[in-house]
C-alpha atoms as a PDB file:
ATOM      1  CA  ALA A   1      99.361  74.360 123.244  1.00  0.00           C
ATOM      2  CA  ALA A   2     102.743  72.828 124.058  1.00  0.00           C
ATOM      3  CA  ALA A   3     102.271  70.171 121.369  1.00  0.00           C
ATOM      4  CA  THR A   4     101.440  72.872 118.815  1.00  0.00           C
ATOM      5  CA  ALA A   5     104.518  74.901 119.788  1.00  0.00           C
ATOM      6  CA  THR A   6     106.706  71.807 119.481  1.00  0.00           C
ATOM      7  CA  ALA A   7     105.244  70.953 116.074  1.00  0.00           C
ATOM      8  CA  ASP A   8     105.761  74.539 114.934  1.00  0.00           C
ATOM      9  CA  ALA A   9     109.391  74.487 116.115  1.00  0.00           C
ATOM     10  CA  ASP A  10     109.920  71.164 114.324  1.00  0.00           C
ATOM     11  CA  ARG A  11     108.554  72.634 111.079  1.00  0.00           C
ATOM     12  CA  LEU A  12     110.850  75.646 111.425  1.00  0.00           C
ATOM     13  CA  ARG A  13     113.875  73.413 112.076  1.00  0.00           C
ATOM     14  CA  ALA A  14     113.024  71.302 109.023  1.00  0.00           C
ATOM     15  CA  HIS A  15     112.556  74.425 106.877  1.00  0.00           C
ATOM     16  CA  LEU A  16     115.919  75.844 107.894  1.00  0.00           C
ATOM     17  CA  ALA A  17     117.679  72.467 107.645  1.00  0.00           C
ATOM     18  CA  ALA A  18     116.339  72.047 104.094  1.00  0.00           C
ATOM     19  CA  ALA A  19     117.992  75.351 103.196  1.00  0.00           C
ATOM     20  CA  LEU A  20     121.283  74.218 104.731  1.00  0.00           C
ATOM     21  CA  VAL A  21     121.461  70.662 103.314  1.00  0.00           C
ATOM     22  CA  PRO A  22     122.122  71.508  99.630  1.00  0.00           C
ATOM     23  CA  THR A  23     124.960  73.869 100.522  1.00  0.00           C
ATOM     24  CA  ALA A  24     126.466  71.531 103.082  1.00  0.00           C
ATOM     25  CA  ALA A  25     126.246  68.508 100.754  1.00  0.00           C
ATOM     26  CA  ALA A  26     127.802  70.458  97.864  1.00  0.00           C
ATOM     27  CA  THR A  27     130.667  71.612 100.076  1.00  0.00           C
ATOM     28  CA  ALA A  28     131.276  68.101 101.428  1.00  0.00           C
ATOM     29  CA  SER A  29     131.314  66.490  97.990  1.00  0.00           C
ATOM     30  CA  ALA A  30     133.677  69.160  96.681  1.00  0.00           C
ATOM     31  CA  ARG A  31     136.084  68.477  99.557  1.00  0.00           C
ATOM     32  CA  GLY A  32     135.668  64.693  99.351  1.00  0.00           C
ATOM     33  CA  GLY A  33     134.288  64.915 102.874  1.00  0.00           C
ATOM     34  CA  PRO A  34     131.591  63.093 104.802  1.00  0.00           C
ATOM     35  CA  ARG A  35     128.606  61.374 103.283  1.00  0.00           C
ATOM     36  CA  PRO A  36     125.423  63.363 102.614  1.00  0.00           C
ATOM     37  CA  ALA A  37     123.728  61.652 105.597  1.00  0.00           C
ATOM     38  CA  ALA A  38     126.336  63.178 107.891  1.00  0.00           C
ATOM     39  CA  GLU A  39     125.815  66.528 106.201  1.00  0.00           C
ATOM     40  CA  THR A  40     122.056  66.212 106.698  1.00  0.00           C
ATOM     41  CA  ARG A  41     122.601  65.567 110.418  1.00  0.00           C
ATOM     42  CA  ALA A  42     124.986  68.556 110.639  1.00  0.00           C
ATOM     43  CA  ALA A  43     122.449  70.802 108.880  1.00  0.00           C
ATOM     44  CA  ALA A  44     119.628  69.589 111.153  1.00  0.00           C
ATOM     45  CA  SER A  45     121.778  70.214 114.229  1.00  0.00           C
ATOM     46  CA  ALA A  46     122.706  73.722 113.053  1.00  0.00           C
ATOM     47  CA  ALA A  47     119.059  74.475 112.241  1.00  0.00           C
ATOM     48  CA  SER A  48     118.004  73.289 115.692  1.00  0.00           C
ATOM     49  CA  ARG A  49     120.575  75.558 117.377  1.00  0.00           C
ATOM     50  CA  VAL A  50     119.440  78.569 115.296  1.00  0.00           C
ATOM     51  CA  VAL A  51     115.719  78.013 115.987  1.00  0.00           C
ATOM     52  CA  THR A  52     116.428  77.530 119.708  1.00  0.00           C
ATOM     53  CA  HIS A  53     118.438  80.757 119.770  1.00  0.00           C
ATOM     54  CA  LEU A  54     115.683  82.648 117.930  1.00  0.00           C
ATOM     55  CA  ALA A  55     113.002  81.284 120.272  1.00  0.00           C
ATOM     56  CA  ALA A  56     115.000  82.603 123.216  1.00  0.00           C
ATOM     57  CA  THR A  57     115.714  86.041 121.743  1.00  0.00           C
ATOM     58  CA  GLU A  58     112.732  86.995 119.567  1.00  0.00           C
ATOM     59  CA  PRO A  59     109.655  88.548 121.227  1.00  0.00           C
ATOM     60  CA  SER A  60     107.043  86.255 119.658  1.00  0.00           C
ATOM     61  CA  ALA A  61     106.533  83.084 117.663  1.00  0.00           C
ATOM     62  CA  ALA A  62     105.570  85.205 114.643  1.00  0.00           C
ATOM     63  CA  HIS A  63     108.953  86.956 114.799  1.00  0.00           C
ATOM     64  CA  VAL A  64     110.713  83.578 115.008  1.00  0.00           C
ATOM     65  CA  ARG A  65     108.817  82.271 111.965  1.00  0.00           C
ATOM     66  CA  HIS A  66     109.584  85.414 109.975  1.00  0.00           C
ATOM     67  CA  ARG A  67     113.283  85.346 110.851  1.00  0.00           C
ATOM     68  CA  VAL A  68     113.582  81.634 109.997  1.00  0.00           C
ATOM     69  CA  ARG A  69     111.990  82.287 106.593  1.00  0.00           C
ATOM     70  CA  VAL A  70     114.380  85.176 105.917  1.00  0.00           C
ATOM     71  CA  LEU A  71     117.389  83.134 106.998  1.00  0.00           C
ATOM     72  CA  ALA A  72     116.319  80.092 104.951  1.00  0.00           C
ATOM     73  CA  ALA A  73     115.807  82.158 101.795  1.00  0.00           C
ATOM     74  CA  ASN A  74     119.150  83.881 102.169  1.00  0.00           C
ATOM     75  CA  LEU A  75     121.035  80.696 103.053  1.00  0.00           C
ATOM     76  CA  ARG A  76     119.710  79.058  99.879  1.00  0.00           C
ATOM     77  CA  ARG A  77     121.171  81.946  97.877  1.00  0.00           C
ATOM     78  CA  ASN A  78     124.404  82.304  99.859  1.00  0.00           C
ATOM     79  CA  GLN A  79     125.874  78.801  99.710  1.00  0.00           C
ATOM     80  CA  GLU A  80     129.176  79.879 101.252  1.00  0.00           C
ATOM     81  CA  LEU A  81     127.450  81.184 104.372  1.00  0.00           C
ATOM     82  CA  GLY A  82     125.173  78.130 104.461  1.00  0.00           C
ATOM     83  CA  ALA A  83     128.195  75.812 104.484  1.00  0.00           C
ATOM     84  CA  ARG A  84     129.816  77.838 107.277  1.00  0.00           C
ATOM     85  CA  VAL A  85     126.617  77.627 109.343  1.00  0.00           C
ATOM     86  CA  ALA A  86     126.202  73.877 108.743  1.00  0.00           C
ATOM     87  CA  SER A  87     129.827  73.226 109.725  1.00  0.00           C
ATOM     88  CA  GLY A  88     129.424  75.230 112.945  1.00  0.00           C
ATOM     89  CA  GLU A  89     131.944  77.891 111.916  1.00  0.00           C
ATOM     90  CA  VAL A  90     129.196  80.530 112.184  1.00  0.00           C
ATOM     91  CA  GLY A  91     127.151  80.076 115.346  1.00  0.00           C
ATOM     92  CA  PRO A  92     123.462  80.836 115.833  1.00  0.00           C
ATOM     93  CA  ALA A  93     124.042  84.136 117.651  1.00  0.00           C
ATOM     94  CA  ALA A  94     126.422  85.396 114.958  1.00  0.00           C
ATOM     95  CA  LEU A  95     124.043  84.301 112.182  1.00  0.00           C
ATOM     96  CA  CYS A  96     121.059  86.001 113.809  1.00  0.00           C
ATOM     97  CA  ARG A  97     123.004  89.259 114.215  1.00  0.00           C
ATOM     98  CA  LEU A  98     123.725  89.506 110.475  1.00  0.00           C
ATOM     99  CA  SER A  99     121.785  92.198 108.639  1.00  0.00           C
ATOM    100  CA  ASP A 100     119.826  91.399 105.493  1.00  0.00           C
ATOM    101  CA  ALA A 101     122.659  92.893 103.409  1.00  0.00           C
ATOM    102  CA  GLU A 102     125.259  90.741 105.175  1.00  0.00           C
ATOM    103  CA  LEU A 103     123.217  87.611 104.466  1.00  0.00           C
ATOM    104  CA  LEU A 104     123.423  88.227 100.719  1.00  0.00           C
ATOM    105  CA  PRO A 105     126.081  86.553  98.574  1.00  0.00           C
ATOM    106  CA  GLU A 106     129.038  88.803  97.748  1.00  0.00           C
ATOM    107  CA  THR A 107     127.905  89.293  94.130  1.00  0.00           C
ATOM    108  CA  ASP A 108     124.419  90.400  95.199  1.00  0.00           C
ATOM    109  CA  ARG A 109     125.898  92.687  97.852  1.00  0.00           C
ATOM    110  CA  ALA A 110     128.147  94.358  95.260  1.00  0.00           C
ATOM    111  CA  ALA A 111     125.175  94.862  92.924  1.00  0.00           C
ATOM    112  CA  MET A 112     123.125  96.355  95.775  1.00  0.00           C
ATOM    113  CA  ASP A 113     125.969  98.737  96.686  1.00  0.00           C
ATOM    114  CA  GLU A 114     126.188  99.857  93.054  1.00  0.00           C
ATOM    115  CA  ARG A 115     122.415 100.483  92.891  1.00  0.00           C
ATOM    116  CA  ARG A 116     122.614 102.569  96.082  1.00  0.00           C
ATOM    117  CA  ALA A 117     125.539 104.593  94.722  1.00  0.00           C
ATOM    118  CA  ALA A 118     123.679 105.198  91.456  1.00  0.00           C
ATOM    119  CA  ALA A 119     120.579 106.334  93.372  1.00  0.00           C
ATOM    120  CA  LYS A 120     122.684 108.715  95.440  1.00  0.00           C
ATOM    121  CA  ARG A 121     124.240 110.139  92.266  1.00  0.00           C
ATOM    122  CA  ARG A 122     120.744 110.658  90.815  1.00  0.00           C
ATOM    123  CA  VAL A 123     119.658 112.519  93.969  1.00  0.00           C
ATOM    124  CA  GLN A 124     122.773 114.701  93.869  1.00  0.00           C
ATOM    125  CA  VAL A 125     122.437 115.526  90.174  1.00  0.00           C
ATOM    126  CA  GLY A 126     118.677 116.083  90.422  1.00  0.00           C
ATOM    127  CA  ALA A 127     119.074 118.274  93.485  1.00  0.00           C
ATOM    128  CA  MET A 128     121.513 120.600  91.742  1.00  0.00           C
ATOM    129  CA  ASP A 129     119.696 120.893  88.383  1.00  0.00           C
ATOM    130  CA  ASP A 130     118.059 124.209  89.113  1.00  0.00           C
ATOM    131  CA  VAL A 131     120.385 125.934  91.592  1.00  0.00           C
ATOM    132  CA  ASP A 132     121.917 129.367  91.262  1.00  0.00           C
ATOM    133  CA  GLY A 133     125.003 128.557  93.350  1.00  0.00           C
ATOM    134  CA  GLU A 134     126.407 126.728  96.366  1.00  0.00           C
ATOM    135  CA  THR A 135     126.968 127.826  99.945  1.00  0.00           C
ATOM    136  CA  ALA A 136     128.440 126.270 103.068  1.00  0.00           C
ATOM    137  CA  ASP A 137     126.776 128.847 105.350  1.00  0.00           C
ATOM    138  CA  HIS A 138     123.523 126.899 105.753  1.00  0.00           C
ATOM    139  CA  PRO A 139     124.068 123.199 106.574  1.00  0.00           C
ATOM    140  CA  CYS A 140     121.386 120.685 105.658  1.00  0.00           C
ATOM    141  CA  LEU A 141     118.610 120.345 108.204  1.00  0.00           C
ATOM    142  CA  ARG A 142     118.330 116.574 107.652  1.00  0.00           C
ATOM    143  CA  CYS A 143     121.869 115.215 107.187  1.00  0.00           C
ATOM    144  CA  GLY A 144     124.037 118.149 108.313  1.00  0.00           C
ATOM    145  CA  SER A 145     125.996 118.304 105.054  1.00  0.00           C
ATOM    146  CA  SER A 146     127.666 121.601 104.225  1.00  0.00           C
ATOM    147  CA  ARG A 147     127.225 120.970 100.483  1.00  0.00           C
ATOM    148  CA  VAL A 148     124.090 123.024  99.958  1.00  0.00           C
ATOM    149  CA  GLY A 149     122.876 124.797  96.839  1.00  0.00           C
ATOM    150  CA  TYR A 150     120.590 127.798  96.771  1.00  0.00           C
ATOM    151  CA  LYS A 151     118.109 129.075  94.238  1.00  0.00           C
ATOM    152  CA  ARG A 152     116.021 132.175  93.972  1.00  0.00           C
ATOM    153  CA  ARG A 153     112.324 131.565  94.393  1.00  0.00           C
ATOM    154  CA  ARG A 154     109.978 132.980  91.847  1.00  0.00           C
ATOM    155  CA  ARG A 155     106.937 134.905  92.980  1.00  0.00           C
ATOM    156  CA  GLY A 156     104.754 135.486  90.002  1.00  0.00           C
ATOM    157  CA  ASN A 157     106.865 136.503  87.009  1.00  0.00           C
ATOM    158  CA  VAL A 158     109.580 138.238  89.026  1.00  0.00           C
ATOM    159  CA  LEU A 159     112.552 136.827  90.874  1.00  0.00           C
ATOM    160  CA  SER A 160     111.993 137.830  94.489  1.00  0.00           C
ATOM    161  CA  TRP A 161     114.805 139.256  96.578  1.00  0.00           C
ATOM    162  CA  LYS A 162     114.551 141.052  99.904  1.00  0.00           C
ATOM    163  CA  ALA A 163     116.355 144.336 100.330  1.00  0.00           C
ATOM    164  CA  SER A 164     119.713 142.990 101.380  1.00  0.00           C
ATOM    165  CA  THR A 165     123.268 143.139 100.161  1.00  0.00           C
ATOM    166  CA  SER A 166     123.707 139.433 100.873  1.00  0.00           C
ATOM    167  CA  VAL A 167     122.768 137.019  98.113  1.00  0.00           C
ATOM    168  CA  LEU A 168     121.499 134.589 100.756  1.00  0.00           C
ATOM    169  CA  GLY A 169     119.476 137.226 102.615  1.00  0.00           C
ATOM    170  CA  GLY A 170     116.674 137.188 100.063  1.00  0.00           C
ATOM    171  CA  ALA A 171     113.845 134.847  99.228  1.00  0.00           C
ATOM    172  CA  VAL A 172     115.941 131.750  98.733  1.00  0.00           C
ATOM    173  CA  ALA A 173     115.250 128.058  98.697  1.00  0.00           C
ATOM    174  CA  TYR A 174     118.084 125.742  99.746  1.00  0.00           C
ATOM    175  CA  VAL A 175     118.714 122.226  98.491  1.00  0.00           C
ATOM    176  CA  CYS A 176     121.124 119.679  99.982  1.00  0.00           C
ATOM    177  CA  VAL A 177     123.500 118.089  97.479  1.00  0.00           C
ATOM    178  CA  GLU A 178     123.856 114.941  99.595  1.00  0.00           C
ATOM    179  CA  CYS A 179     120.268 113.984 100.465  1.00  0.00           C
ATOM    180  CA  GLY A 180     118.143 116.220  98.214  1.00  0.00           C
ATOM    181  CA  LEU A 181     116.217 117.960 101.027  1.00  0.00           C
ATOM    182  CA  GLU A 182     114.789 121.355 100.033  1.00  0.00           C
ATOM    183  CA  TRP A 183     113.830 124.083 102.518  1.00  0.00           C
ATOM    184  CA  ASP A 184     113.020 127.780 102.578  1.00  0.00           C
ATOM    185  CA  GLY A 185     115.600 130.344 103.587  1.00  0.00           C
ATOM    186  CA  ASP A 186     113.082 132.844 104.950  1.00  0.00           C
END
């Protein structure tokens, strides 16, 4: 069992080092720095430190394998981060604390932020398509936002209102502008 665990750890180190070598070698050649062999050793050393850290902090070998695969894929895409890891500027603990979004290159992160903003705009516009007005008297049940629209519910062919002088005292459905949640006012 110990030999299998060692072989597995060696494979994980090699997998992560392979992701770090191209970025480290490219950075070194651009700076006129050390030979690729030195960069390969630096990448292997960094990979070993990361795998050792993961083995100590993750609950199982499956979690370690998964995290190494995620890190390797992202380090191949984010050459700047890969070079910082290979040089030792970013340590194993700091690397392992990065979220999936933080592992992305800056251009991919900006594109992801734009997609999220566009999705939020779609939710906001879609949520307010069929409202009769807005109120701040009934905050959202999910996100707590005070930007809430209301709409009269139809029962059969007639708009249904309870006997009340308040517009919001009748049969009303509320919709949150921020998250799109809809709920009954009754």
